[in-house]
């Protein structure tokens, strides 16, 4: 095999490969053997038709199969021989196979950039102390009790804060009904903040069968643009008023809440949960701080093809979120230019994550990937087995692996910067923190390595 490499850009390489004639002929022999075994030709017994006929009738198929058998194998050999690490998908050119001559092909790709890892001593992080006030423990215990409370009909008694009221309602804006402004059997948990305070106040104290009229002025930043700052008149009728009966703090309740034992043990269990949640939150903040510092300090070149791919994905996502912007060439170009810095920063961070994982022998275990994949499949309303065998499933698995590896590396670096021992533990269902950006990407990057193939009222 003959291999030459030409630099055609800072990171772009053009590689020319020549595969020896004997290997080309060997590939044709293998293809012919497959055809003779699997194809029937009229007038001949199975597997007995002559090779000349196969080469004439199946010329295109044989050439395509020979290329499939040869090119990936020799491409991998060539990049190993030249110690190249592709960072983007290779683009093959000038592929022309002929059984009577060596196979030559050209291929262009961009390589992983060369850079030095910045010593951890150059990053500064400050760890917050974790304190769990007794009031927080009391509030969590109360929330656990409310979550397991039973509802009891209050009869004709008026509603109070903490009760659940079932109402029929109809709203009018400037004397006219509007979409989403009416409903039947709507349950309102008074005091839970699920509805606008003025709406809850209008329902507070209502009794079964009672009807009321009141006005609600929607805030200027309300989610429904058509109601922002507008005053709506509501007519409501109470169908049911229920009181929430909290469970007793006994052994059965403690066990159901996941903490068998007495009241003291249960309280310690709740405090431990709150502490772990606070620690995870603090870790997430430290990771975000580290990411900001890394973005500021790393400045090496990244593959332009990967940047362009990120910009294309950004434009695609923008078309779903803000179609009016995506349809305007000038606005789209402006938004893409604004997104470029984030995409470049993501790519740099991804390369750093890969390098740290390589040096520190950090990897993602298959079980964590499987658990996250099943959870996300169910969130998408898809059967995991069906999703697994789809293009979307393959992309999802790739992204899960990338997110988990990024989480692990960044957590490792945070501990190293703080001078704390790091013990690898399985991540929570959604990881200790989320790093997704508008253009679809993790702290890391969506470039592909060749070897990692790939409404409230």
Protein backbone atom coordinates (compact mmCIF):
# COMPACT_ATOMS: atom_id res chain seq x y z
CA UNK A 1 0.00 0.00 0.00
CA UNK A 2 1.27 3.44 -0.94
CA UNK A 3 0.11 6.46 1.06
CA UNK A 4 0.81 10.17 0.62
CA UNK A 5 -0.58 13.01 2.73
CA UNK A 6 -0.98 16.64 1.70
CA UNK A 7 -1.81 19.55 4.00
CA UNK A 8 -4.59 21.57 2.35
CA UNK A 9 -5.48 23.71 5.39
CA UNK A 10 -4.61 24.17 9.05
CA UNK A 11 -6.37 20.97 9.98
CA UNK A 12 -7.52 19.62 6.61
CA UNK A 13 -5.58 16.76 5.06
CA UNK A 14 -5.81 15.11 1.65
CA UNK A 15 -4.61 11.55 1.62
CA UNK A 16 -3.97 9.47 -1.50
CA UNK A 17 -3.93 5.70 -1.15
CA UNK A 18 -2.97 3.00 -3.62
CA UNK A 19 -4.14 -0.55 -2.90
CA UNK A 20 -1.97 -3.31 -4.44
CA UNK A 21 -3.34 -5.17 -7.48
CA UNK A 22 -3.26 -8.55 -5.73
CA UNK A 23 -5.52 -7.22 -2.97
CA UNK A 24 -7.94 -5.78 -5.54
CA UNK A 25 -8.08 -9.15 -7.30
CA UNK A 26 -8.56 -10.90 -3.96
CA UNK A 27 -11.53 -8.62 -3.23
CA UNK A 28 -13.05 -9.50 -6.62
CA UNK A 29 -12.56 -13.20 -5.84
CA UNK A 30 -14.49 -12.78 -2.60
CA UNK A 31 -17.31 -10.88 -4.32
CA UNK A 32 -17.59 -13.52 -7.06
CA UNK A 33 -17.74 -16.28 -4.45
CA UNK A 34 -20.64 -14.47 -2.73
CA UNK A 35 -22.50 -13.97 -6.02
CA UNK A 36 -22.03 -17.57 -7.09
CA UNK A 37 -23.42 -18.74 -3.73
CA UNK A 38 -26.38 -16.38 -3.51
CA UNK A 39 -27.44 -15.64 -7.11
CA UNK A 40 -29.26 -17.91 -9.57
CA UNK A 41 -28.71 -17.44 -13.31
CA UNK A 42 -31.13 -18.98 -15.82
CA UNK A 43 -29.58 -21.79 -17.79
CA UNK A 44 -27.01 -22.72 -15.18
CA UNK A 45 -27.06 -24.92 -12.14
CA UNK A 46 -26.71 -23.05 -8.81
CA UNK A 47 -23.16 -21.84 -8.39
CA UNK A 48 -22.00 -23.17 -11.79
CA UNK A 49 -22.23 -20.12 -14.07
CA UNK A 50 -18.87 -18.89 -15.42
CA UNK A 51 -17.00 -16.00 -13.88
CA UNK A 52 -16.87 -14.10 -17.18
CA UNK A 53 -20.67 -14.01 -17.21
CA UNK A 54 -20.78 -12.78 -13.61
CA UNK A 55 -18.25 -10.05 -14.35
CA UNK A 56 -20.24 -8.92 -17.37
CA UNK A 57 -23.72 -9.10 -15.84
CA UNK A 58 -22.80 -7.93 -12.34
CA UNK A 59 -19.97 -5.57 -13.20
CA UNK A 60 -21.32 -2.57 -11.28
CA UNK A 61 -22.33 -4.67 -8.27
CA UNK A 62 -18.94 -6.35 -8.11
CA UNK A 63 -17.13 -3.03 -8.30
CA UNK A 64 -19.28 -1.55 -5.54
CA UNK A 65 -18.78 -4.57 -3.31
CA UNK A 66 -15.04 -4.58 -3.92
CA UNK A 67 -14.85 -0.91 -2.93
CA UNK A 68 -16.86 -1.60 0.23
CA UNK A 69 -14.49 -4.43 1.11
CA UNK A 70 -11.30 -2.53 0.39
CA UNK A 71 -11.61 1.19 1.07
CA UNK A 72 -12.62 1.24 4.79
CA UNK A 73 -9.96 -1.34 5.63
CA UNK A 74 -7.14 0.45 3.85
CA UNK A 75 -8.27 3.87 5.04
CA UNK A 76 -7.96 2.68 8.64
CA UNK A 77 -4.55 1.19 7.91
CA UNK A 78 -3.38 4.40 6.21
CA UNK A 79 -4.35 6.74 9.05
CA UNK A 80 -2.64 4.45 11.54
CA UNK A 81 0.47 4.33 9.38
CA UNK A 82 0.58 8.13 9.18
CA UNK A 83 -0.49 8.63 12.83
CA UNK A 84 -3.49 10.73 11.85
CA UNK A 85 -6.61 11.20 14.02
CA UNK A 86 -9.61 12.22 11.88
CA UNK A 87 -12.01 14.62 13.59
CA UNK A 88 -14.61 14.75 10.83
CA UNK A 89 -16.16 12.24 8.46
CA UNK A 90 -13.86 11.46 5.53
CA UNK A 91 -14.90 12.52 2.02
CA UNK A 92 -13.72 9.96 -0.54
CA UNK A 93 -12.93 11.01 -4.09
CA UNK A 94 -11.73 9.47 -7.36
CA UNK A 95 -12.90 5.98 -6.45
CA UNK A 96 -12.49 3.82 -9.54
CA UNK A 97 -11.98 0.10 -9.17
CA UNK A 98 -10.77 -2.18 -11.94
CA UNK A 99 -9.76 -5.77 -11.30
CA UNK A 100 -6.78 -5.40 -13.63
CA UNK A 101 -5.03 -2.53 -11.86
CA UNK A 102 -4.31 -1.17 -8.38
CA UNK A 103 -7.12 0.77 -6.72
CA UNK A 104 -6.31 4.40 -6.07
CA UNK A 105 -8.49 6.79 -4.13
CA UNK A 106 -8.24 10.21 -2.50
CA UNK A 107 -9.84 11.15 0.77
CA UNK A 108 -10.15 14.50 2.58
CA UNK A 109 -10.82 15.00 6.25
CA UNK A 110 -9.90 17.26 9.13
CA UNK A 111 -7.74 16.06 11.97
CA UNK A 112 -7.98 16.44 15.72
CA UNK A 113 -6.19 19.69 16.58
CA UNK A 114 -2.93 19.61 18.46
CA UNK A 115 -2.98 21.52 21.75
CA UNK A 116 -1.54 21.42 25.25
CA UNK A 117 -3.77 20.76 28.22
CA UNK A 118 -3.82 23.70 30.60
CA UNK A 119 -2.63 22.67 34.08
CA UNK A 120 -5.43 22.46 36.64
CA UNK A 121 -3.54 24.99 38.76
CA UNK A 122 -4.54 27.65 36.20
CA UNK A 123 -8.21 27.23 37.11
CA UNK A 124 -9.68 28.65 40.31
CA UNK A 125 -12.81 27.27 41.94
CA UNK A 126 -14.35 28.03 45.33
CA UNK A 127 -16.46 25.39 47.02
CA UNK A 128 -19.52 26.55 48.93
CA UNK A 129 -20.20 25.09 52.39
CA UNK A 130 -23.29 22.93 52.56
CA UNK A 131 -25.73 23.89 55.29
CA UNK A 132 -29.18 22.36 55.75
CA UNK A 133 -31.36 24.54 58.01
CA UNK A 134 -33.91 22.72 60.14
CA UNK A 135 -36.65 24.75 58.43
CA UNK A 136 -35.68 23.16 55.11
CA UNK A 137 -35.98 19.69 56.61
CA UNK A 138 -39.39 20.60 58.05
CA UNK A 139 -40.53 21.91 54.65
CA UNK A 140 -39.40 18.73 52.86
CA UNK A 141 -41.14 16.51 55.41
CA UNK A 142 -44.31 18.55 54.98
CA UNK A 143 -44.03 18.21 51.21
CA UNK A 144 -43.62 14.43 51.55
CA UNK A 145 -46.73 14.27 53.71
CA UNK A 146 -48.71 16.43 51.29
CA UNK A 147 -47.61 14.17 48.46
CA UNK A 148 -49.08 11.16 50.26
CA UNK A 149 -52.16 12.94 51.63
CA UNK A 150 -55.70 11.71 51.01
CA UNK A 151 -58.47 14.01 49.84
CA UNK A 152 -61.63 14.20 51.93
CA UNK A 153 -64.87 15.87 50.77
CA UNK A 154 -65.59 18.99 52.88
CA UNK A 155 -69.28 18.97 52.06
CA UNK A 156 -70.73 22.50 52.25
CA UNK A 157 -67.71 24.01 54.04
CA UNK A 158 -65.90 26.82 52.17
CA UNK A 159 -62.48 26.24 50.66
CA UNK A 160 -59.30 27.25 52.46
CA UNK A 161 -55.64 27.37 51.55
CA UNK A 162 -54.35 23.84 51.03
CA UNK A 163 -57.71 22.52 49.81
CA UNK A 164 -58.36 21.14 46.35
CA UNK A 165 -61.29 22.77 44.56
CA UNK A 166 -62.87 21.40 41.39
CA UNK A 167 -64.50 24.13 39.29
CA UNK A 168 -66.09 24.92 35.97
CA UNK A 169 -64.93 28.26 34.61
CA UNK A 170 -65.45 30.58 31.66
CA UNK A 171 -63.42 33.67 30.86
CA UNK A 172 -64.16 36.63 28.59
CA UNK A 173 -61.80 39.23 27.23
CA UNK A 174 -63.50 42.46 26.18
CA UNK A 175 -66.79 40.56 26.41
CA UNK A 176 -65.65 37.76 24.13
CA UNK A 177 -64.59 34.21 24.82
CA UNK A 178 -61.09 33.15 23.86
CA UNK A 179 -59.18 29.95 23.27
CA UNK A 180 -58.20 28.23 26.51
CA UNK A 181 -60.37 30.60 28.55
CA UNK A 182 -62.92 28.05 29.71
CA UNK A 183 -62.98 24.53 31.10
CA UNK A 184 -64.85 22.00 33.18
CA UNK A 185 -63.70 19.85 36.07
CA UNK A 186 -60.54 21.90 36.59
CA UNK A 187 -58.79 20.98 39.84
CA UNK A 188 -57.08 23.82 41.74
CA UNK A 189 -54.67 23.12 44.58
CA UNK A 190 -55.06 26.34 46.55
CA UNK A 191 -51.74 27.71 47.69
CA UNK A 192 -49.65 25.57 45.36
CA UNK A 193 -48.96 28.43 42.94
CA UNK A 194 -50.15 26.52 39.89
CA UNK A 195 -52.49 29.37 38.91
CA UNK A 196 -52.12 33.13 38.98
CA UNK A 197 -52.51 34.44 42.56
CA UNK A 198 -55.51 36.58 41.58
CA UNK A 199 -57.29 33.52 40.16
CA UNK A 200 -56.63 31.46 43.28
CA UNK A 201 -57.86 34.39 45.43
CA UNK A 202 -61.07 34.44 43.41
CA UNK A 203 -61.67 30.77 44.24
CA UNK A 204 -60.54 30.93 47.89
CA UNK A 205 -63.52 30.58 50.29
CA UNK A 206 -65.91 29.25 47.65
CA UNK A 207 -68.28 26.40 48.63
CA UNK A 208 -69.85 23.59 46.61
CA UNK A 209 -72.52 24.88 44.22
CA UNK A 210 -71.50 28.48 44.74
CA UNK A 211 -70.85 30.70 41.71
CA UNK A 212 -68.59 33.72 41.52
CA UNK A 213 -67.47 36.41 39.07
CA UNK A 214 -64.12 38.15 39.38
CA UNK A 215 -61.44 39.77 37.26
CA UNK A 216 -57.83 38.74 36.74
CA UNK A 217 -55.19 41.01 35.21
CA UNK A 218 -52.51 38.96 33.51
CA UNK A 219 -48.86 39.98 34.02
CA UNK A 220 -46.95 41.72 31.19
CA UNK A 221 -44.64 38.71 30.77
CA UNK A 222 -47.40 36.07 30.69
CA UNK A 223 -46.67 33.14 28.43
CA UNK A 224 -49.72 33.71 26.22
CA UNK A 225 -48.87 36.87 24.31
CA UNK A 226 -52.51 37.66 23.56
CA UNK A 227 -53.23 37.92 27.32
CA UNK A 228 -50.17 39.88 28.42
CA UNK A 229 -51.31 42.85 30.55
CA UNK A 230 -54.97 42.16 29.73
CA UNK A 231 -57.84 41.95 32.24
CA UNK A 232 -60.09 38.90 31.91
CA UNK A 233 -63.45 38.43 33.63
CA UNK A 234 -64.04 34.90 34.92
CA UNK A 235 -67.24 33.15 35.98
CA UNK A 236 -66.63 30.07 38.13
CA UNK A 237 -68.80 27.45 39.80
CA UNK A 238 -67.49 25.06 42.45
CA UNK A 239 -68.28 21.40 41.84
CA UNK A 240 -66.33 19.95 44.77
CA UNK A 241 -64.20 21.11 47.69
CA UNK A 242 -61.81 18.63 49.26
CA UNK A 243 -59.59 18.86 52.28
CA UNK A 244 -56.14 17.31 52.26
CA UNK A 245 -55.70 14.87 55.16
CA UNK A 246 -52.01 14.37 55.88
CA UNK A 247 -50.74 10.91 56.86
CA UNK A 248 -49.57 10.25 60.39
CA UNK A 249 -45.85 10.27 61.08
CA UNK A 250 -45.60 6.60 61.92
CA UNK A 251 -43.48 3.61 60.97
CA UNK A 252 -45.65 2.80 57.95
CA UNK A 253 -45.20 6.33 56.61
CA UNK A 254 -41.44 6.27 57.20
CA UNK A 255 -41.15 2.98 55.34
CA UNK A 256 -43.26 4.20 52.43
CA UNK A 257 -41.02 7.27 52.19
CA UNK A 258 -37.96 5.01 51.91
CA UNK A 259 -36.63 5.39 55.46
CA UNK A 260 -37.68 2.57 57.80
CA UNK A 261 -37.28 3.41 61.49
CA UNK A 262 -38.39 6.06 63.95
CA UNK A 263 -38.98 9.81 63.60
CA UNK A 264 -35.35 10.68 64.32
CA UNK A 265 -34.10 8.25 61.67
CA UNK A 266 -36.60 9.57 59.15
CA UNK A 267 -35.53 13.15 59.81
CA UNK A 268 -31.88 12.18 59.38
CA UNK A 269 -32.79 10.45 56.11
CA UNK A 270 -34.52 13.57 54.79
CA UNK A 271 -31.62 15.77 55.85
CA UNK A 272 -29.19 13.45 54.05
CA UNK A 273 -31.27 13.68 50.87
CA UNK A 274 -31.29 17.47 51.05
CA UNK A 275 -27.54 17.53 51.62
CA UNK A 276 -26.90 15.31 48.61
CA UNK A 277 -29.18 17.49 46.47
CA UNK A 278 -27.34 20.61 47.63
CA UNK A 279 -23.99 19.01 46.92
CA UNK A 280 -25.10 18.07 43.42
CA UNK A 281 -26.35 21.60 42.86
CA UNK A 282 -23.04 23.03 44.06
CA UNK A 283 -21.17 20.62 41.82
CA UNK A 284 -23.23 21.79 38.87
CA UNK A 285 -22.32 25.39 39.63
CA UNK A 286 -18.64 24.50 39.92
CA UNK A 287 -18.77 22.69 36.60
CA UNK A 288 -20.37 25.69 34.91
CA UNK A 289 -17.72 27.96 36.40
CA UNK A 290 -14.99 25.65 35.13
CA UNK A 291 -16.54 25.54 31.68
CA UNK A 292 -16.52 29.35 31.51
CA UNK A 293 -12.87 29.44 32.48
CA UNK A 294 -11.94 26.74 29.97
CA UNK A 295 -13.75 28.60 27.19
CA UNK A 296 -11.79 31.73 28.04
CA UNK A 297 -8.38 30.04 28.22
CA UNK A 298 -8.40 27.56 25.33
CA UNK A 299 -7.99 29.14 21.89
CA UNK A 300 -6.75 26.45 19.46
CA UNK A 301 -8.11 25.99 15.93
CA UNK A 302 -11.01 23.60 15.41
CA UNK A 303 -12.15 21.78 12.24
CA UNK A 304 -14.08 24.16 10.02
CA UNK A 305 -16.25 21.32 8.68
CA UNK A 306 -17.36 20.61 12.25
CA UNK A 307 -18.14 24.31 12.77
CA UNK A 308 -20.19 24.38 9.56
CA UNK A 309 -22.02 21.24 10.62
CA UNK A 310 -22.86 22.90 13.94
CA UNK A 311 -24.11 26.00 12.14
CA UNK A 312 -26.33 23.88 9.89
CA UNK A 313 -27.81 22.16 12.93
CA UNK A 314 -28.32 25.55 14.60
CA UNK A 315 -30.19 26.83 11.53
CA UNK A 316 -32.30 23.64 11.45
CA UNK A 317 -33.26 24.04 15.13
CA UNK A 318 -33.94 27.74 14.65
CA UNK A 319 -36.37 26.85 11.87
CA UNK A 320 -38.46 24.97 14.44
CA UNK A 321 -38.15 27.54 17.25
CA UNK A 322 -38.29 30.80 15.28
CA UNK A 323 -39.38 30.06 11.71
CA UNK A 324 -39.83 33.75 10.89
CA UNK A 325 -36.16 34.39 11.66
CA UNK A 326 -34.92 31.32 9.82
CA UNK A 327 -36.88 32.39 6.72
CA UNK A 328 -35.11 35.78 6.62
CA UNK A 329 -31.63 35.35 5.06
CA UNK A 330 -30.18 38.46 6.69
CA UNK A 331 -31.51 37.61 10.16
CA UNK A 332 -30.46 33.99 9.79
CA UNK A 333 -26.92 34.96 8.81
CA UNK A 334 -26.72 37.31 11.81
CA UNK A 335 -27.93 34.65 14.24
CA UNK A 336 -25.55 32.07 12.80
CA UNK A 337 -22.64 34.44 13.23
CA UNK A 338 -23.68 34.99 16.84
CA UNK A 339 -23.84 31.22 17.36
CA UNK A 340 -20.41 30.57 15.86
CA UNK A 341 -18.50 31.48 19.03
CA UNK A 342 -20.57 29.03 21.11
CA UNK A 343 -20.09 26.28 18.55
CA UNK A 344 -16.35 26.82 18.42
CA UNK A 345 -16.23 26.87 22.22
CA UNK A 346 -18.17 23.62 22.38
CA UNK A 347 -15.83 21.97 19.93
CA UNK A 348 -12.74 23.05 21.83
CA UNK A 349 -14.25 21.82 25.07
CA UNK A 350 -15.10 18.52 23.44
CA UNK A 351 -11.55 17.98 22.26
CA UNK A 352 -10.25 18.79 25.74
CA UNK A 353 -12.71 16.30 27.26
CA UNK A 354 -11.50 13.64 24.84
CA UNK A 355 -7.86 14.31 25.63
CA UNK A 356 -8.39 14.24 29.40
CA UNK A 357 -10.44 11.04 29.14
CA UNK A 358 -7.65 9.45 27.08
CA UNK A 359 -4.89 10.42 29.49
CA UNK A 360 -6.84 9.56 32.64
CA UNK A 361 -8.43 6.42 31.20
CA UNK A 362 -11.96 7.69 31.83
CA UNK A 363 -14.82 6.07 29.95
CA UNK A 364 -18.58 5.59 30.02
CA UNK A 365 -20.01 2.28 31.19
CA UNK A 366 -22.60 0.59 29.02
CA UNK A 367 -25.16 0.22 31.83
CA UNK A 368 -25.32 3.98 32.43
CA UNK A 369 -25.86 4.51 28.72
CA UNK A 370 -28.57 1.82 28.62
CA UNK A 371 -30.46 3.29 31.61
CA UNK A 372 -30.36 6.83 30.20
CA UNK A 373 -31.40 5.58 26.75
CA UNK A 374 -34.43 3.68 28.11
CA UNK A 375 -35.51 6.70 30.17
CA UNK A 376 -35.28 9.07 27.21
CA UNK A 377 -37.04 6.59 24.93
CA UNK A 378 -40.02 6.46 27.30
CA UNK A 379 -40.00 10.27 27.57
CA UNK A 380 -40.26 10.37 23.79
CA UNK A 381 -43.13 7.87 23.90
CA UNK A 382 -41.10 5.34 21.93
CA UNK A 383 -40.46 1.66 22.43
CA UNK A 384 -36.77 1.41 23.38
CA UNK A 385 -36.16 -1.65 21.22
CA UNK A 386 -37.68 0.00 18.15
CA UNK A 387 -35.83 3.24 18.80
CA UNK A 388 -32.57 1.41 19.25
CA UNK A 389 -32.71 0.11 15.70
CA UNK A 390 -33.34 3.52 14.14
CA UNK A 391 -31.13 6.36 12.95
CA UNK A 392 -32.58 8.57 15.69
CA UNK A 393 -31.70 5.91 18.26
CA UNK A 394 -28.11 5.79 17.06
CA UNK A 395 -27.80 9.56 17.32
CA UNK A 396 -29.42 9.50 20.76
CA UNK A 397 -26.99 6.90 22.04
CA UNK A 398 -24.07 8.91 20.67
CA UNK A 399 -25.28 12.02 22.44
CA UNK A 400 -25.88 10.15 25.70
CA UNK A 401 -22.38 8.76 25.60
CA UNK A 402 -20.97 12.22 24.88
CA UNK A 403 -22.95 13.84 27.73
CA UNK A 404 -22.00 11.16 30.23
CA UNK A 405 -18.33 11.33 29.31
CA UNK A 406 -18.35 15.13 29.51
CA UNK A 407 -20.03 14.99 32.94
CA UNK A 408 -17.45 12.50 34.16
CA UNK A 409 -14.43 14.40 32.90
CA UNK A 410 -15.61 17.78 34.16
CA UNK A 411 -16.50 16.31 37.57
CA UNK A 412 -13.07 14.69 37.70
CA UNK A 413 -11.39 18.02 36.89
CA UNK A 414 -13.43 19.91 39.51
CA UNK A 415 -12.30 17.47 42.20
CA UNK A 416 -8.71 17.72 41.01
CA UNK A 417 -8.77 21.54 41.06
CA UNK A 418 -10.25 21.51 44.58
CA UNK A 419 -7.68 18.94 45.69
CA UNK A 420 -10.40 16.52 46.71
CA UNK A 421 -10.36 12.75 46.16
CA UNK A 422 -12.60 11.66 43.33
CA UNK A 423 -14.48 8.39 43.36
CA UNK A 424 -16.37 7.41 40.26
CA UNK A 425 -20.07 6.93 41.00
CA UNK A 426 -22.97 6.31 38.60
CA UNK A 427 -24.63 9.59 37.56
CA UNK A 428 -28.22 10.45 38.56
CA UNK A 429 -30.90 9.79 35.93
CA UNK A 430 -30.30 13.16 34.28
CA UNK A 431 -26.73 13.63 35.42
CA UNK A 432 -25.55 16.15 38.05
CA UNK A 433 -25.98 19.01 35.65
CA UNK A 434 -27.20 19.86 32.19
CA UNK A 435 -24.95 21.57 29.69
CA UNK A 436 -27.07 21.73 26.55
CA UNK A 437 -26.87 24.82 24.40
CA UNK A 438 -29.30 26.25 21.90
CA UNK A 439 -27.49 24.75 18.96
CA UNK A 440 -28.02 21.25 20.29
CA UNK A 441 -24.92 20.59 22.24
CA UNK A 442 -23.61 19.43 25.22
CA UNK A 443 -20.51 21.03 26.57
CA UNK A 444 -18.98 18.84 24.07
CA UNK A 445 -19.43 18.65 20.40
CA UNK A 446 -21.33 16.83 17.77
CA UNK A 447 -18.41 16.35 15.43
CA UNK A 448 -17.78 12.71 14.71
CA UNK A 449 -14.49 10.95 15.25
CA UNK A 450 -13.83 8.34 12.64
CA UNK A 451 -12.99 5.80 15.32
CA UNK A 452 -16.07 6.48 17.44
CA UNK A 453 -18.42 5.98 14.61
CA UNK A 454 -20.24 6.22 14.68
CA UNK A 455 -51.34 27.36 30.11
CA UNK A 456 -51.89 28.68 33.53
CA UNK A 457 -54.96 30.96 34.37
